[in-house]
C-alpha atoms as a PDB file:
ATOM      1  CA  MET A   1      43.700 162.670 220.197  1.00  0.00           C
ATOM      2  CA  ARG A   2      41.964 162.498 223.566  1.00  0.00           C
ATOM      3  CA  THR A   3      38.206 162.869 223.542  1.00  0.00           C
ATOM      4  CA  LEU A   4      36.151 164.339 226.357  1.00  0.00           C
ATOM      5  CA  THR A   5      32.376 163.970 226.491  1.00  0.00           C
ATOM      6  CA  PHE A   6      30.378 167.055 227.448  1.00  0.00           C
ATOM      7  CA  TYR A   7      26.868 166.218 228.657  1.00  0.00           C
ATOM      8  CA  THR A   8      24.562 169.138 228.005  1.00  0.00           C
ATOM      9  CA  THR A   9      21.140 170.091 226.675  1.00  0.00           C
ATOM     10  CA  SER A  10      19.728 173.020 224.739  1.00  0.00           C
ATOM     11  CA  GLY A  11      18.500 175.999 226.726  1.00  0.00           C
ATOM     12  CA  CYS A  12      20.720 175.202 229.723  1.00  0.00           C
ATOM     13  CA  HIS A  13      22.335 178.446 230.895  1.00  0.00           C
ATOM     14  CA  LEU A  14      24.850 176.603 233.082  1.00  0.00           C
ATOM     15  CA  CYS A  15      25.824 174.455 230.123  1.00  0.00           C
ATOM     16  CA  GLU A  16      26.449 177.587 228.065  1.00  0.00           C
ATOM     17  CA  LEU A  17      28.706 178.954 230.824  1.00  0.00           C
ATOM     18  CA  ALA A  18      30.604 175.658 231.016  1.00  0.00           C
ATOM     19  CA  GLU A  19      30.970 175.484 227.231  1.00  0.00           C
ATOM     20  CA  ALA A  20      32.395 179.008 227.114  1.00  0.00           C
ATOM     21  CA  MET A  21      34.868 178.105 229.860  1.00  0.00           C
ATOM     22  CA  ILE A  22      35.878 174.917 228.046  1.00  0.00           C
ATOM     23  CA  CYS A  23      36.471 176.836 224.806  1.00  0.00           C
ATOM     24  CA  ALA A  24      38.455 179.554 226.586  1.00  0.00           C
ATOM     25  CA  THR A  25      40.528 177.221 228.762  1.00  0.00           C
ATOM     26  CA  LEU A  26      41.314 174.072 226.818  1.00  0.00           C
ATOM     27  CA  ASP A  27      43.539 173.573 223.789  1.00  0.00           C
ATOM     28  CA  LEU A  28      40.901 172.261 221.404  1.00  0.00           C
ATOM     29  CA  ASP A  29      43.600 171.445 218.846  1.00  0.00           C
ATOM     30  CA  ALA A  30      44.973 168.853 221.283  1.00  0.00           C
ATOM     31  CA  LEU A  31      41.657 167.660 222.734  1.00  0.00           C
ATOM     32  CA  SER A  32      38.356 166.748 221.177  1.00  0.00           C
ATOM     33  CA  VAL A  33      35.200 167.636 223.091  1.00  0.00           C
ATOM     34  CA  GLU A  34      32.087 165.781 221.989  1.00  0.00           C
ATOM     35  CA  ALA A  35      28.832 167.402 223.089  1.00  0.00           C
ATOM     36  CA  VAL A  36      26.054 164.940 223.919  1.00  0.00           C
ATOM     37  CA  ASP A  37      22.524 166.252 224.388  1.00  0.00           C
ATOM     38  CA  ILE A  38      21.000 164.268 227.231  1.00  0.00           C
ATOM     39  CA  ALA A  39      17.498 164.966 225.889  1.00  0.00           C
ATOM     40  CA  ASP A  40      18.139 162.304 223.239  1.00  0.00           C
ATOM     41  CA  SER A  41      18.235 159.461 225.788  1.00  0.00           C
ATOM     42  CA  ASP A  42      16.036 158.559 228.753  1.00  0.00           C
ATOM     43  CA  ASP A  43      19.043 156.853 230.353  1.00  0.00           C
ATOM     44  CA  LEU A  44      21.131 160.029 230.068  1.00  0.00           C
ATOM     45  CA  ILE A  45      18.265 162.125 231.439  1.00  0.00           C
ATOM     46  CA  ASP A  46      18.043 159.788 234.439  1.00  0.00           C
ATOM     47  CA  ARG A  47      21.800 159.885 234.961  1.00  0.00           C
ATOM     48  CA  TYR A  48      22.570 163.562 234.294  1.00  0.00           C
ATOM     49  CA  GLY A  49      19.241 165.415 234.336  1.00  0.00           C
ATOM     50  CA  THR A  50      19.947 167.261 237.593  1.00  0.00           C
ATOM     51  CA  ARG A  51      23.752 167.294 237.262  1.00  0.00           C
ATOM     52  CA  ILE A  52      24.525 168.867 233.881  1.00  0.00           C
ATOM     53  CA  PRO A  53      26.795 170.220 232.665  1.00  0.00           C
ATOM     54  CA  VAL A  54      29.166 167.295 233.147  1.00  0.00           C
ATOM     55  CA  LEU A  55      32.503 166.685 231.453  1.00  0.00           C
ATOM     56  CA  GLN A  56      33.599 163.040 231.260  1.00  0.00           C
ATOM     57  CA  GLU A  57      36.734 161.187 230.275  1.00  0.00           C
ATOM     58  CA  GLY A  58      36.609 157.440 230.781  1.00  0.00           C
ATOM     59  CA  ALA A  59      35.317 156.756 234.293  1.00  0.00           C
ATOM     60  CA  ARG A  60      36.181 160.257 235.538  1.00  0.00           C
ATOM     61  CA  GLU A  61      33.576 163.011 235.636  1.00  0.00           C
ATOM     62  CA  LEU A  62      33.713 166.711 236.415  1.00  0.00           C
ATOM     63  CA  GLY A  63      30.296 168.073 237.317  1.00  0.00           C
ATOM     64  CA  TRP A  64      29.127 171.640 237.627  1.00  0.00           C
ATOM     65  CA  PRO A  65      30.001 173.879 239.336  1.00  0.00           C
ATOM     66  CA  PHE A  66      33.654 173.945 238.299  1.00  0.00           C
ATOM     67  CA  ASP A  67      36.107 176.741 237.660  1.00  0.00           C
ATOM     68  CA  GLN A  68      39.057 177.064 235.263  1.00  0.00           C
ATOM     69  CA  ALA A  69      41.518 175.621 237.788  1.00  0.00           C
ATOM     70  CA  GLN A  70      39.320 172.561 238.384  1.00  0.00           C
ATOM     71  CA  LEU A  71      38.799 172.137 234.645  1.00  0.00           C
ATOM     72  CA  THR A  72      42.543 172.294 233.996  1.00  0.00           C
ATOM     73  CA  ALA A  73      43.264 169.852 236.825  1.00  0.00           C
ATOM     74  CA  PHE A  74      40.635 167.436 235.463  1.00  0.00           C
ATOM     75  CA  VAL A  75      42.140 167.524 231.967  1.00  0.00           C
ATOM     76  CA  ASN A  76      45.636 167.087 233.387  1.00  0.00           C
ATOM     77  CA  GLY A  77      44.484 164.046 235.365  1.00  0.00           C
ATOM     78  CA  SER A  78      44.887 165.640 238.780  1.00  0.00           C
END
């Protein structure tokens, strides 16, 4: 099963919007999405603090803002 990493933090309205879109758009039976709270790591805060929400797979990242078409293209490798 493929695993995507979703960088987020609590209280982030944009992250909540992105999470809802991910749940509504992706087949979560075929993909695993691991949420990582950036507040748990100074390195992650430095890297993603002004960019979250960010979805990552390997070296590829999809940063906010993104729409359903961009999300689907990212997951499909386009």
